Amino acid sequence: MPPRADAPPRANTPSGPGASDLPSPSLKHRLEAAGVAVARALFRALPMDAASALGGRLWRWIAPLTPRHERALTHLQMAFPDMSDAERRAIAAAMWDNLGRVFAETFVLDRLAADPSRLIIGDMAPAERIAASGRGGVVVSLHMANWELSAQALVRLGLKPTGMYQQLRNPLVEATVRVLRENVFPGGLFGKGGDGGADTAMRVVGIVRRGGCLGILGDLREPTGPAVPFFGIPAHATPFPALVARSLGVPLVAARMRRLDGARFRIDAVEIEVPRTADRKADVAAATAGLHRAFETWIRETPEQWFWIHRKWAPPGNKDAPR
């Protein structure tokens, strides 16, 4: 019998929701996992700032040699057609530096979360209202700066965020990364991939209905979601955050992490209007578009801190687009 939607979250282990949908480890998976184990040992042996800087330098050097570099440049040209090639290449290089830092910082996420000086809580009034009301809410972030720390900001405001994330395809690396992430989600951490996706969604909705707070990333491509304007180009987006907020009548909040210098950050948030008319589908699409307007504004301010390698604008039928 499947668990009830209002049942408490399962233990935060790799065997949690969706874990059975991961493929069996292959030789490639094992080699990748070995590389991650070496990286973990290296970065945890270094002070946080040194680990972050080393990760940035390595990725700035190696990543432009991969096919994803050209993809990033293509997306930057789509988003900023009036920008010079030199400016777009500079943004791409800085993006790789940021992503390399995030990679290294993930291995010391527990240390970052434990050091209050690493994260400045900026204008978080919408999230503070969720904490004060006890009604529950949905906080949606984007792949900007070190997005992994977003949940820690909610914890510091007195919330117990429940996380929902897209699992990695490598089950061995997924198990490692999950352990690193789950400690910053005291409300539970749920993988949303595979056949258990509907069950996971129901459980998360139940948590929010009981006054919990969902923390989720909402800027990636969702082929079955509504197409919303993003840098003037239609982009398919996940409707789930807006759907939960609209269905339960709880606030929908967009939050962005900004890297200040090195491994130090600031987080701010704005509340997104959620229409509640007789047309639920149109309401959800409008709120999802509102999220993306906020995302675009923030990305334009610091484009080098966003995830330009994702195929955000790929058409629904493109099965090659990564998760």
C-alpha atoms as a PDB file:
ATOM      1  CA  MET A   1       0.000   0.000   0.000  1.00  0.00           C
ATOM      2  CA  PRO A   2       1.476   3.401  -0.932  1.00  0.00           C
ATOM      3  CA  PRO A   3       2.098   5.846   1.929  1.00  0.00           C
ATOM      4  CA  ARG A   4      -0.523   8.493   2.633  1.00  0.00           C
ATOM      5  CA  ALA A   5       0.052  12.012   1.342  1.00  0.00           C
ATOM      6  CA  ASP A   6       0.056  13.252   4.940  1.00  0.00           C
ATOM      7  CA  ALA A   7       2.475  10.609   6.205  1.00  0.00           C
ATOM      8  CA  PRO A   8       5.728  11.853   7.741  1.00  0.00           C
ATOM      9  CA  PRO A   9       8.734  11.971   5.430  1.00  0.00           C
ATOM     10  CA  ARG A  10      10.845   8.876   5.116  1.00  0.00           C
ATOM     11  CA  ALA A  11      14.328   8.812   6.521  1.00  0.00           C
ATOM     12  CA  ASN A  12      16.771  11.012   4.644  1.00  0.00           C
ATOM     13  CA  THR A  13      18.879   8.216   3.198  1.00  0.00           C
ATOM     14  CA  PRO A  14      19.813   7.178  -0.347  1.00  0.00           C
ATOM     15  CA  SER A  15      17.074   4.563  -0.091  1.00  0.00           C
ATOM     16  CA  GLY A  16      14.432   7.281   0.250  1.00  0.00           C
ATOM     17  CA  PRO A  17      11.769   8.295  -2.290  1.00  0.00           C
ATOM     18  CA  GLY A  18      12.798   7.690  -5.862  1.00  0.00           C
ATOM     19  CA  ALA A  19      16.048   5.919  -4.997  1.00  0.00           C
ATOM     20  CA  SER A  20      14.813   2.621  -6.456  1.00  0.00           C
ATOM     21  CA  ASP A  21      14.365   4.339  -9.815  1.00  0.00           C
ATOM     22  CA  LEU A  22      18.098   4.939 -10.171  1.00  0.00           C
ATOM     23  CA  PRO A  23      19.999   2.672 -12.580  1.00  0.00           C
ATOM     24  CA  SER A  24      22.326  -0.066 -11.382  1.00  0.00           C
ATOM     25  CA  PRO A  25      25.949   1.122 -11.240  1.00  0.00           C
ATOM     26  CA  SER A  26      27.962   0.641 -14.424  1.00  0.00           C
ATOM     27  CA  LEU A  27      31.721   0.790 -14.881  1.00  0.00           C
ATOM     28  CA  LYS A  28      31.368   4.426 -15.944  1.00  0.00           C
ATOM     29  CA  HIS A  29      29.376   5.138 -12.790  1.00  0.00           C
ATOM     30  CA  ARG A  30      32.056   3.526 -10.642  1.00  0.00           C
ATOM     31  CA  LEU A  31      34.829   5.526 -12.287  1.00  0.00           C
ATOM     32  CA  GLU A  32      32.882   8.756 -11.842  1.00  0.00           C
ATOM     33  CA  ALA A  33      32.202   7.892  -8.218  1.00  0.00           C
ATOM     34  CA  ALA A  34      35.894   7.225  -7.640  1.00  0.00           C
ATOM     35  CA  GLY A  35      36.692  10.658  -9.065  1.00  0.00           C
ATOM     36  CA  VAL A  36      34.110  12.259  -6.778  1.00  0.00           C
ATOM     37  CA  ALA A  37      35.597  10.428  -3.778  1.00  0.00           C
ATOM     38  CA  VAL A  38      39.040  11.809  -4.602  1.00  0.00           C
ATOM     39  CA  ALA A  39      37.612  15.317  -5.031  1.00  0.00           C
ATOM     40  CA  ARG A  40      35.759  15.033  -1.734  1.00  0.00           C
ATOM     41  CA  ALA A  41      38.913  14.034   0.118  1.00  0.00           C
ATOM     42  CA  LEU A  42      40.908  16.840  -1.518  1.00  0.00           C
ATOM     43  CA  PHE A  43      38.437  19.656  -0.892  1.00  0.00           C
ATOM     44  CA  ARG A  44      37.636  18.598   2.670  1.00  0.00           C
ATOM     45  CA  ALA A  45      41.349  18.614   3.456  1.00  0.00           C
ATOM     46  CA  LEU A  46      41.555  22.311   2.562  1.00  0.00           C
ATOM     47  CA  PRO A  47      40.238  25.411   4.356  1.00  0.00           C
ATOM     48  CA  MET A  48      36.884  26.497   2.911  1.00  0.00           C
ATOM     49  CA  ASP A  49      38.178  29.540   1.051  1.00  0.00           C
ATOM     50  CA  ALA A  50      41.092  27.595  -0.425  1.00  0.00           C
ATOM     51  CA  ALA A  51      38.792  24.760  -1.513  1.00  0.00           C
ATOM     52  CA  SER A  52      36.376  27.205  -3.152  1.00  0.00           C
ATOM     53  CA  ALA A  53      39.161  29.055  -4.973  1.00  0.00           C
ATOM     54  CA  LEU A  54      40.806  25.852  -6.195  1.00  0.00           C
ATOM     55  CA  GLY A  55      37.497  24.513  -7.526  1.00  0.00           C
ATOM     56  CA  GLY A  56      36.926  27.761  -9.399  1.00  0.00           C
ATOM     57  CA  ARG A  57      40.377  27.783 -10.968  1.00  0.00           C
ATOM     58  CA  LEU A  58      40.172  24.154 -12.073  1.00  0.00           C
ATOM     59  CA  TRP A  59      36.772  24.555 -13.706  1.00  0.00           C
ATOM     60  CA  ARG A  60      37.730  27.856 -15.333  1.00  0.00           C
ATOM     61  CA  TRP A  61      40.667  26.044 -16.927  1.00  0.00           C
ATOM     62  CA  ILE A  62      39.105  22.673 -17.862  1.00  0.00           C
ATOM     63  CA  ALA A  63      35.409  23.371 -18.576  1.00  0.00           C
ATOM     64  CA  PRO A  64      35.893  25.620 -21.655  1.00  0.00           C
ATOM     65  CA  LEU A  65      37.389  22.569 -23.385  1.00  0.00           C
ATOM     66  CA  THR A  66      34.078  20.695 -23.144  1.00  0.00           C
ATOM     67  CA  PRO A  67      31.060  20.884 -25.519  1.00  0.00           C
ATOM     68  CA  ARG A  68      29.001  22.532 -22.776  1.00  0.00           C
ATOM     69  CA  HIS A  69      31.087  25.684 -23.128  1.00  0.00           C
ATOM     70  CA  GLU A  70      29.742  26.279 -26.625  1.00  0.00           C
ATOM     71  CA  ARG A  71      26.239  25.561 -25.352  1.00  0.00           C
ATOM     72  CA  ALA A  72      26.683  28.242 -22.692  1.00  0.00           C
ATOM     73  CA  LEU A  73      27.874  30.739 -25.305  1.00  0.00           C
ATOM     74  CA  THR A  74      24.879  29.900 -27.506  1.00  0.00           C
ATOM     75  CA  HIS A  75      22.489  30.530 -24.629  1.00  0.00           C
ATOM     76  CA  LEU A  76      24.231  33.774 -23.733  1.00  0.00           C
ATOM     77  CA  GLN A  77      23.837  34.919 -27.328  1.00  0.00           C
ATOM     78  CA  MET A  78      20.124  34.079 -27.191  1.00  0.00           C
ATOM     79  CA  ALA A  79      19.664  35.976 -23.941  1.00  0.00           C
ATOM     80  CA  PHE A  80      21.968  38.913 -24.734  1.00  0.00           C
ATOM     81  CA  PRO A  81      21.958  39.370 -28.531  1.00  0.00           C
ATOM     82  CA  ASP A  82      23.351  42.909 -28.286  1.00  0.00           C
ATOM     83  CA  MET A  83      26.325  41.886 -26.170  1.00  0.00           C
ATOM     84  CA  SER A  84      29.759  41.502 -27.773  1.00  0.00           C
ATOM     85  CA  ASP A  85      31.386  38.081 -28.172  1.00  0.00           C
ATOM     86  CA  ALA A  86      34.127  39.149 -25.784  1.00  0.00           C
ATOM     87  CA  GLU A  87      31.591  40.065 -23.102  1.00  0.00           C
ATOM     88  CA  ARG A  88      29.760  36.760 -23.480  1.00  0.00           C
ATOM     89  CA  ARG A  89      33.028  34.800 -23.271  1.00  0.00           C
ATOM     90  CA  ALA A  90      33.996  36.680 -20.129  1.00  0.00           C
ATOM     91  CA  ILE A  91      30.639  35.808 -18.554  1.00  0.00           C
ATOM     92  CA  ALA A  92      31.032  32.158 -19.556  1.00  0.00           C
ATOM     93  CA  ALA A  93      34.513  32.004 -18.023  1.00  0.00           C
ATOM     94  CA  ALA A  94      33.251  33.550 -14.794  1.00  0.00           C
ATOM     95  CA  MET A  95      30.291  31.136 -14.821  1.00  0.00           C
ATOM     96  CA  TRP A  96      32.691  28.196 -14.884  1.00  0.00           C
ATOM     97  CA  ASP A  97      34.584  29.725 -11.988  1.00  0.00           C
ATOM     98  CA  ASN A  98      31.362  29.951  -9.993  1.00  0.00           C
ATOM     99  CA  LEU A  99      30.302  26.392 -10.862  1.00  0.00           C
ATOM    100  CA  GLY A 100      33.739  25.085  -9.906  1.00  0.00           C
ATOM    101  CA  ARG A 101      33.415  26.853  -6.588  1.00  0.00           C
ATOM    102  CA  VAL A 102      29.959  25.337  -6.062  1.00  0.00           C
ATOM    103  CA  PHE A 103      31.386  21.887  -6.843  1.00  0.00           C
ATOM    104  CA  ALA A 104      34.111  22.312  -4.229  1.00  0.00           C
ATOM    105  CA  GLU A 105      31.795  23.967  -1.695  1.00  0.00           C
ATOM    106  CA  THR A 106      29.340  21.078  -1.917  1.00  0.00           C
ATOM    107  CA  PHE A 107      31.896  18.853  -0.216  1.00  0.00           C
ATOM    108  CA  VAL A 108      32.151  21.291   2.705  1.00  0.00           C
ATOM    109  CA  LEU A 109      28.491  22.258   2.773  1.00  0.00           C
ATOM    110  CA  ASP A 110      28.206  21.293   6.424  1.00  0.00           C
ATOM    111  CA  ARG A 111      31.001  23.712   7.322  1.00  0.00           C
ATOM    112  CA  LEU A 112      29.503  26.520   5.266  1.00  0.00           C
ATOM    113  CA  ALA A 113      26.113  26.000   6.903  1.00  0.00           C
ATOM    114  CA  ALA A 114      27.664  26.006  10.380  1.00  0.00           C
ATOM    115  CA  ASP A 115      29.460  29.342   9.878  1.00  0.00           C
ATOM    116  CA  PRO A 116      26.967  32.260  10.183  1.00  0.00           C
ATOM    117  CA  SER A 117      29.471  34.707   8.699  1.00  0.00           C
ATOM    118  CA  ARG A 118      29.309  32.911   5.355  1.00  0.00           C
ATOM    119  CA  LEU A 119      25.684  33.834   4.660  1.00  0.00           C
ATOM    120  CA  ILE A 120      24.121  37.273   5.026  1.00  0.00           C
ATOM    121  CA  ILE A 121      20.350  37.205   5.412  1.00  0.00           C
ATOM    122  CA  GLY A 122      19.197  40.146   3.309  1.00  0.00           C
ATOM    123  CA  ASP A 123      15.602  41.128   2.576  1.00  0.00           C
ATOM    124  CA  MET A 124      13.811  37.881   3.439  1.00  0.00           C
ATOM    125  CA  ALA A 125      10.542  39.434   4.648  1.00  0.00           C
ATOM    126  CA  PRO A 126       8.322  37.048   2.622  1.00  0.00           C
ATOM    127  CA  ALA A 127      10.009  33.990   4.149  1.00  0.00           C
ATOM    128  CA  GLU A 128       9.904  35.589   7.599  1.00  0.00           C
ATOM    129  CA  ARG A 129       6.133  35.954   7.217  1.00  0.00           C
ATOM    130  CA  ILE A 130       5.867  32.241   6.423  1.00  0.00           C
ATOM    131  CA  ALA A 131       7.817  31.419   9.573  1.00  0.00           C
ATOM    132  CA  ALA A 132       5.653  33.731  11.693  1.00  0.00           C
ATOM    133  CA  SER A 133       2.330  32.501  10.309  1.00  0.00           C
ATOM    134  CA  GLY A 134       2.924  28.765  10.603  1.00  0.00           C
ATOM    135  CA  ARG A 135       0.686  28.323   7.550  1.00  0.00           C
ATOM    136  CA  GLY A 136       3.275  26.807   5.280  1.00  0.00           C
ATOM    137  CA  GLY A 137       4.701  28.123   2.055  1.00  0.00           C
ATOM    138  CA  VAL A 138       6.762  27.471  -1.050  1.00  0.00           C
ATOM    139  CA  VAL A 139      10.193  29.036  -1.510  1.00  0.00           C
ATOM    140  CA  VAL A 140      11.627  28.722  -5.007  1.00  0.00           C
ATOM    141  CA  SER A 141      15.261  29.400  -5.756  1.00  0.00           C
ATOM    142  CA  LEU A 142      17.365  29.158  -8.900  1.00  0.00           C
ATOM    143  CA  HIS A 143      20.774  27.782  -9.835  1.00  0.00           C
ATOM    144  CA  MET A 144      22.625  30.928  -8.878  1.00  0.00           C
ATOM    145  CA  ALA A 145      25.793  31.471  -6.814  1.00  0.00           C
ATOM    146  CA  ASN A 146      25.745  28.526  -4.359  1.00  0.00           C
ATOM    147  CA  TRP A 147      22.096  27.503  -4.480  1.00  0.00           C
ATOM    148  CA  GLU A 148      22.764  24.603  -2.083  1.00  0.00           C
ATOM    149  CA  LEU A 149      22.861  27.093   0.813  1.00  0.00           C
ATOM    150  CA  SER A 150      19.360  28.477   0.200  1.00  0.00           C
ATOM    151  CA  ALA A 151      17.783  26.009   2.616  1.00  0.00           C
ATOM    152  CA  GLN A 152      20.189  27.025   5.367  1.00  0.00           C
ATOM    153  CA  ALA A 153      18.852  30.580   5.192  1.00  0.00           C
ATOM    154  CA  LEU A 154      15.333  29.246   5.808  1.00  0.00           C
ATOM    155  CA  VAL A 155      16.587  27.233   8.774  1.00  0.00           C
ATOM    156  CA  ARG A 156      18.091  30.378  10.264  1.00  0.00           C
ATOM    157  CA  LEU A 157      14.676  32.066   9.963  1.00  0.00           C
ATOM    158  CA  GLY A 158      13.119  29.317  12.075  1.00  0.00           C
ATOM    159  CA  LEU A 159      11.701  27.191   9.247  1.00  0.00           C
ATOM    160  CA  LYS A 160      12.248  23.480   8.674  1.00  0.00           C
ATOM    161  CA  PRO A 161      12.386  23.308   4.879  1.00  0.00           C
ATOM    162  CA  THR A 162      11.515  20.174   2.991  1.00  0.00           C
ATOM    163  CA  GLY A 163      13.650  19.747  -0.113  1.00  0.00           C
ATOM    164  CA  MET A 164      12.628  18.325  -3.466  1.00  0.00           C
ATOM    165  CA  TYR A 165      15.323  17.832  -6.076  1.00  0.00           C
ATOM    166  CA  GLN A 166      16.154  16.075  -9.342  1.00  0.00           C
ATOM    167  CA  GLN A 167      18.339  13.056  -8.714  1.00  0.00           C
ATOM    168  CA  LEU A 168      21.622  12.496 -10.530  1.00  0.00           C
ATOM    169  CA  ARG A 169      21.798   9.696 -13.063  1.00  0.00           C
ATOM    170  CA  ASN A 170      24.831   8.108 -11.435  1.00  0.00           C
ATOM    171  CA  PRO A 171      23.442   6.245  -8.393  1.00  0.00           C
ATOM    172  CA  LEU A 172      26.795   6.156  -6.601  1.00  0.00           C
ATOM    173  CA  VAL A 173      27.422   9.878  -6.974  1.00  0.00           C
ATOM    174  CA  GLU A 174      23.766  10.521  -6.119  1.00  0.00           C
ATOM    175  CA  ALA A 175      24.192   8.684  -2.805  1.00  0.00           C
ATOM    176  CA  THR A 176      27.249  10.779  -1.946  1.00  0.00           C
ATOM    177  CA  VAL A 177      25.672  14.100  -2.885  1.00  0.00           C
ATOM    178  CA  ARG A 178      22.429  13.272  -1.109  1.00  0.00           C
ATOM    179  CA  VAL A 179      24.250  12.753   2.193  1.00  0.00           C
ATOM    180  CA  LEU A 180      25.876  16.160   1.768  1.00  0.00           C
ATOM    181  CA  ARG A 181      22.540  17.848   1.028  1.00  0.00           C
ATOM    182  CA  GLU A 182      20.174  16.197   3.446  1.00  0.00           C
ATOM    183  CA  ASN A 183      21.566  17.802   6.593  1.00  0.00           C
ATOM    184  CA  VAL A 184      20.372  21.248   5.457  1.00  0.00           C
ATOM    185  CA  PHE A 185      16.788  20.014   4.961  1.00  0.00           C
ATOM    186  CA  PRO A 186      15.424  19.208   8.437  1.00  0.00           C
ATOM    187  CA  GLY A 187      11.937  18.785   6.972  1.00  0.00           C
ATOM    188  CA  GLY A 188      13.055  15.905   4.734  1.00  0.00           C
ATOM    189  CA  LEU A 189      14.730  15.539   1.342  1.00  0.00           C
ATOM    190  CA  PHE A 190      12.881  13.951  -1.566  1.00  0.00           C
ATOM    191  CA  GLY A 191      14.081  12.896  -5.011  1.00  0.00           C
ATOM    192  CA  LYS A 192      11.469  13.638  -7.663  1.00  0.00           C
ATOM    193  CA  GLY A 193      12.651  11.366 -10.477  1.00  0.00           C
ATOM    194  CA  GLY A 194      11.285   8.038 -11.721  1.00  0.00           C
ATOM    195  CA  ASP A 195       7.965   6.294 -11.261  1.00  0.00           C
ATOM    196  CA  GLY A 196       7.624   7.463  -7.661  1.00  0.00           C
ATOM    197  CA  GLY A 197       7.294  11.089  -8.697  1.00  0.00           C
ATOM    198  CA  ALA A 198       3.534  11.305  -8.160  1.00  0.00           C
ATOM    199  CA  ASP A 199       3.781   9.684  -4.740  1.00  0.00           C
ATOM    200  CA  THR A 200       6.598  12.065  -3.748  1.00  0.00           C
ATOM    201  CA  ALA A 201       4.583  15.066  -4.922  1.00  0.00           C
ATOM    202  CA  MET A 202       1.593  13.976  -2.818  1.00  0.00           C
ATOM    203  CA  ARG A 203       3.763  13.569   0.263  1.00  0.00           C
ATOM    204  CA  VAL A 204       5.345  16.993  -0.199  1.00  0.00           C
ATOM    205  CA  VAL A 205       1.932  18.601  -0.669  1.00  0.00           C
ATOM    206  CA  GLY A 206       0.835  16.941   2.572  1.00  0.00           C
ATOM    207  CA  ILE A 207       3.810  18.431   4.415  1.00  0.00           C
ATOM    208  CA  VAL A 208       3.052  21.947   3.151  1.00  0.00           C
ATOM    209  CA  ARG A 209      -0.638  21.518   3.993  1.00  0.00           C
ATOM    210  CA  ARG A 210       0.353  20.819   7.601  1.00  0.00           C
ATOM    211  CA  GLY A 211       2.352  24.056   7.772  1.00  0.00           C
ATOM    212  CA  GLY A 212       5.667  22.920   6.332  1.00  0.00           C
ATOM    213  CA  CYS A 213       7.859  24.878   3.947  1.00  0.00           C
ATOM    214  CA  LEU A 214       8.904  23.481   0.581  1.00  0.00           C
ATOM    215  CA  GLY A 215      12.285  24.564  -0.763  1.00  0.00           C
ATOM    216  CA  ILE A 216      12.743  23.823  -4.450  1.00  0.00           C
ATOM    217  CA  LEU A 217      14.714  24.967  -7.488  1.00  0.00           C
ATOM    218  CA  GLY A 218      12.419  26.235 -10.221  1.00  0.00           C
ATOM    219  CA  ASP A 219      14.577  27.473 -13.091  1.00  0.00           C
ATOM    220  CA  LEU A 220      15.277  24.240 -14.969  1.00  0.00           C
ATOM    221  CA  ARG A 221      13.474  23.029 -18.079  1.00  0.00           C
ATOM    222  CA  GLU A 222      10.332  20.936 -17.636  1.00  0.00           C
ATOM    223  CA  PRO A 223       9.127  19.654 -21.032  1.00  0.00           C
ATOM    224  CA  THR A 224       5.568  19.072 -19.836  1.00  0.00           C
ATOM    225  CA  GLY A 225       5.299  22.410 -18.055  1.00  0.00           C
ATOM    226  CA  PRO A 226       3.924  25.712 -19.354  1.00  0.00           C
ATOM    227  CA  ALA A 227       6.011  27.787 -21.752  1.00  0.00           C
ATOM    228  CA  VAL A 228       6.748  31.116 -20.082  1.00  0.00           C
ATOM    229  CA  PRO A 229       8.696  34.150 -21.347  1.00  0.00           C
ATOM    230  CA  PHE A 230      12.347  34.015 -20.303  1.00  0.00           C
ATOM    231  CA  PHE A 231      14.708  36.573 -21.817  1.00  0.00           C
ATOM    232  CA  GLY A 232      12.028  37.130 -24.450  1.00  0.00           C
ATOM    233  CA  ILE A 233      12.036  33.465 -25.520  1.00  0.00           C
ATOM    234  CA  PRO A 234       9.407  30.854 -24.527  1.00  0.00           C
ATOM    235  CA  ALA A 235      10.891  28.367 -22.065  1.00  0.00           C
ATOM    236  CA  HIS A 236       9.148  25.361 -20.539  1.00  0.00           C
ATOM    237  CA  ALA A 237       9.151  25.475 -16.749  1.00  0.00           C
ATOM    238  CA  THR A 238       8.005  23.348 -13.843  1.00  0.00           C
ATOM    239  CA  PRO A 239       4.506  24.317 -12.687  1.00  0.00           C
ATOM    240  CA  PHE A 240       4.804  22.410  -9.382  1.00  0.00           C
ATOM    241  CA  PRO A 241       5.769  25.273  -7.020  1.00  0.00           C
ATOM    242  CA  ALA A 242       2.974  27.515  -8.293  1.00  0.00           C
ATOM    243  CA  LEU A 243       0.519  24.613  -8.294  1.00  0.00           C
ATOM    244  CA  VAL A 244       1.219  23.828  -4.643  1.00  0.00           C
ATOM    245  CA  ALA A 245       0.968  27.484  -3.600  1.00  0.00           C
ATOM    246  CA  ARG A 246      -2.244  28.041  -5.571  1.00  0.00           C
ATOM    247  CA  SER A 247      -3.921  24.810  -4.432  1.00  0.00           C
ATOM    248  CA  LEU A 248      -3.138  25.281  -0.743  1.00  0.00           C
ATOM    249  CA  GLY A 249      -3.470  29.067  -0.608  1.00  0.00           C
ATOM    250  CA  VAL A 250       0.044  29.548   0.775  1.00  0.00           C
ATOM    251  CA  PRO A 251       2.655  32.157  -0.217  1.00  0.00           C
ATOM    252  CA  LEU A 252       4.918  31.613  -3.224  1.00  0.00           C
ATOM    253  CA  VAL A 253       8.333  33.165  -2.666  1.00  0.00           C
ATOM    254  CA  ALA A 254      11.269  33.544  -5.064  1.00  0.00           C
ATOM    255  CA  ALA A 255      14.719  33.627  -3.441  1.00  0.00           C
ATOM    256  CA  ARG A 256      18.128  34.251  -4.911  1.00  0.00           C
ATOM    257  CA  MET A 257      21.570  33.545  -3.575  1.00  0.00           C
ATOM    258  CA  ARG A 258      24.316  35.990  -4.576  1.00  0.00           C
ATOM    259  CA  ARG A 259      28.032  35.345  -4.250  1.00  0.00           C
ATOM    260  CA  LEU A 260      29.684  38.359  -2.673  1.00  0.00           C
ATOM    261  CA  ASP A 261      33.327  37.309  -2.633  1.00  0.00           C
ATOM    262  CA  GLY A 262      34.931  33.912  -2.348  1.00  0.00           C
ATOM    263  CA  ALA A 263      32.766  31.601  -0.284  1.00  0.00           C
ATOM    264  CA  ARG A 264      30.514  34.323   1.166  1.00  0.00           C
ATOM    265  CA  PHE A 265      26.933  34.937   0.121  1.00  0.00           C
ATOM    266  CA  ARG A 266      23.767  36.981   0.545  1.00  0.00           C
ATOM    267  CA  ILE A 267      20.190  35.806   0.094  1.00  0.00           C
ATOM    268  CA  ASP A 268      17.128  37.940  -0.698  1.00  0.00           C
ATOM    269  CA  ALA A 269      13.541  37.099  -1.566  1.00  0.00           C
ATOM    270  CA  VAL A 270      10.359  38.514  -3.077  1.00  0.00           C
ATOM    271  CA  GLU A 271       6.807  37.227  -2.914  1.00  0.00           C
ATOM    272  CA  ILE A 272       5.241  36.223  -6.230  1.00  0.00           C
ATOM    273  CA  GLU A 273       1.593  36.954  -6.905  1.00  0.00           C
ATOM    274  CA  VAL A 274      -0.512  33.820  -7.337  1.00  0.00           C
ATOM    275  CA  PRO A 275      -3.830  34.474  -9.119  1.00  0.00           C
ATOM    276  CA  ARG A 276      -6.772  32.459  -7.831  1.00  0.00           C
ATOM    277  CA  THR A 277      -9.502  32.524 -10.448  1.00  0.00           C
ATOM    278  CA  ALA A 278     -11.793  29.862 -11.870  1.00  0.00           C
ATOM    279  CA  ASP A 279      -9.048  28.847 -14.327  1.00  0.00           C
ATOM    280  CA  ARG A 280      -6.471  26.947 -12.251  1.00  0.00           C
ATOM    281  CA  LYS A 281      -4.226  26.125 -15.203  1.00  0.00           C
ATOM    282  CA  ALA A 282      -4.016  29.782 -16.237  1.00  0.00           C
ATOM    283  CA  ASP A 283      -3.353  30.816 -12.628  1.00  0.00           C
ATOM    284  CA  VAL A 284      -0.456  28.372 -12.323  1.00  0.00           C
ATOM    285  CA  ALA A 285       1.021  29.496 -15.648  1.00  0.00           C
ATOM    286  CA  ALA A 286       0.795  33.145 -14.591  1.00  0.00           C
ATOM    287  CA  ALA A 287       2.515  32.500 -11.262  1.00  0.00           C
ATOM    288  CA  THR A 288       5.205  30.425 -12.976  1.00  0.00           C
ATOM    289  CA  ALA A 289       5.790  33.314 -15.383  1.00  0.00           C
ATOM    290  CA  GLY A 290       6.053  35.636 -12.370  1.00  0.00           C
ATOM    291  CA  LEU A 291       8.778  33.449 -10.894  1.00  0.00           C
ATOM    292  CA  HIS A 292      10.702  33.600 -14.149  1.00  0.00           C
ATOM    293  CA  ARG A 293      10.409  37.387 -14.333  1.00  0.00           C
ATOM    294  CA  ALA A 294      12.101  37.548 -10.944  1.00  0.00           C
ATOM    295  CA  PHE A 295      14.725  35.033 -12.065  1.00  0.00           C
ATOM    296  CA  GLU A 296      15.485  36.990 -15.224  1.00  0.00           C
ATOM    297  CA  THR A 297      15.878  40.250 -13.299  1.00  0.00           C
ATOM    298  CA  TRP A 298      18.386  38.637 -10.956  1.00  0.00           C
ATOM    299  CA  ILE A 299      20.289  36.864 -13.724  1.00  0.00           C
ATOM    300  CA  ARG A 300      20.666  40.107 -15.641  1.00  0.00           C
ATOM    301  CA  GLU A 301      22.270  41.669 -12.563  1.00  0.00           C
ATOM    302  CA  THR A 302      24.910  38.920 -12.176  1.00  0.00           C
ATOM    303  CA  PRO A 303      24.780  36.725 -15.292  1.00  0.00           C
ATOM    304  CA  GLU A 304      28.079  35.035 -14.451  1.00  0.00           C
ATOM    305  CA  GLN A 305      26.474  33.418 -11.412  1.00  0.00           C
ATOM    306  CA  TRP A 306      23.732  31.535 -13.292  1.00  0.00           C
ATOM    307  CA  PHE A 307      23.679  28.038 -14.827  1.00  0.00           C
ATOM    308  CA  TRP A 308      23.933  28.814 -18.572  1.00  0.00           C
ATOM    309  CA  ILE A 309      24.767  25.240 -19.587  1.00  0.00           C
ATOM    310  CA  HIS A 310      21.259  23.917 -18.959  1.00  0.00           C
ATOM    311  CA  ARG A 311      19.060  23.543 -22.062  1.00  0.00           C
ATOM    312  CA  LYS A 312      16.383  25.832 -20.715  1.00  0.00           C
ATOM    313  CA  TRP A 313      15.057  26.760 -24.153  1.00  0.00           C
ATOM    314  CA  ALA A 314      15.068  23.273 -25.686  1.00  0.00           C
ATOM    315  CA  PRO A 315      11.725  22.292 -27.280  1.00  0.00           C
ATOM    316  CA  PRO A 316       9.525  19.705 -25.523  1.00  0.00           C
ATOM    317  CA  GLY A 317      10.414  16.943 -27.989  1.00  0.00           C
ATOM    318  CA  ASN A 318      14.172  17.222 -27.382  1.00  0.00           C
ATOM    319  CA  LYS A 319      14.955  14.042 -25.461  1.00  0.00           C
ATOM    320  CA  ASP A 320      18.652  14.831 -25.353  1.00  0.00           C
ATOM    321  CA  ALA A 321      18.206  17.730 -22.951  1.00  0.00           C
ATOM    322  CA  PRO A 322      19.829  16.863 -19.613  1.00  0.00           C
ATOM    323  CA  ARG A 323      18.017  16.817 -16.329  1.00  0.00           C
END
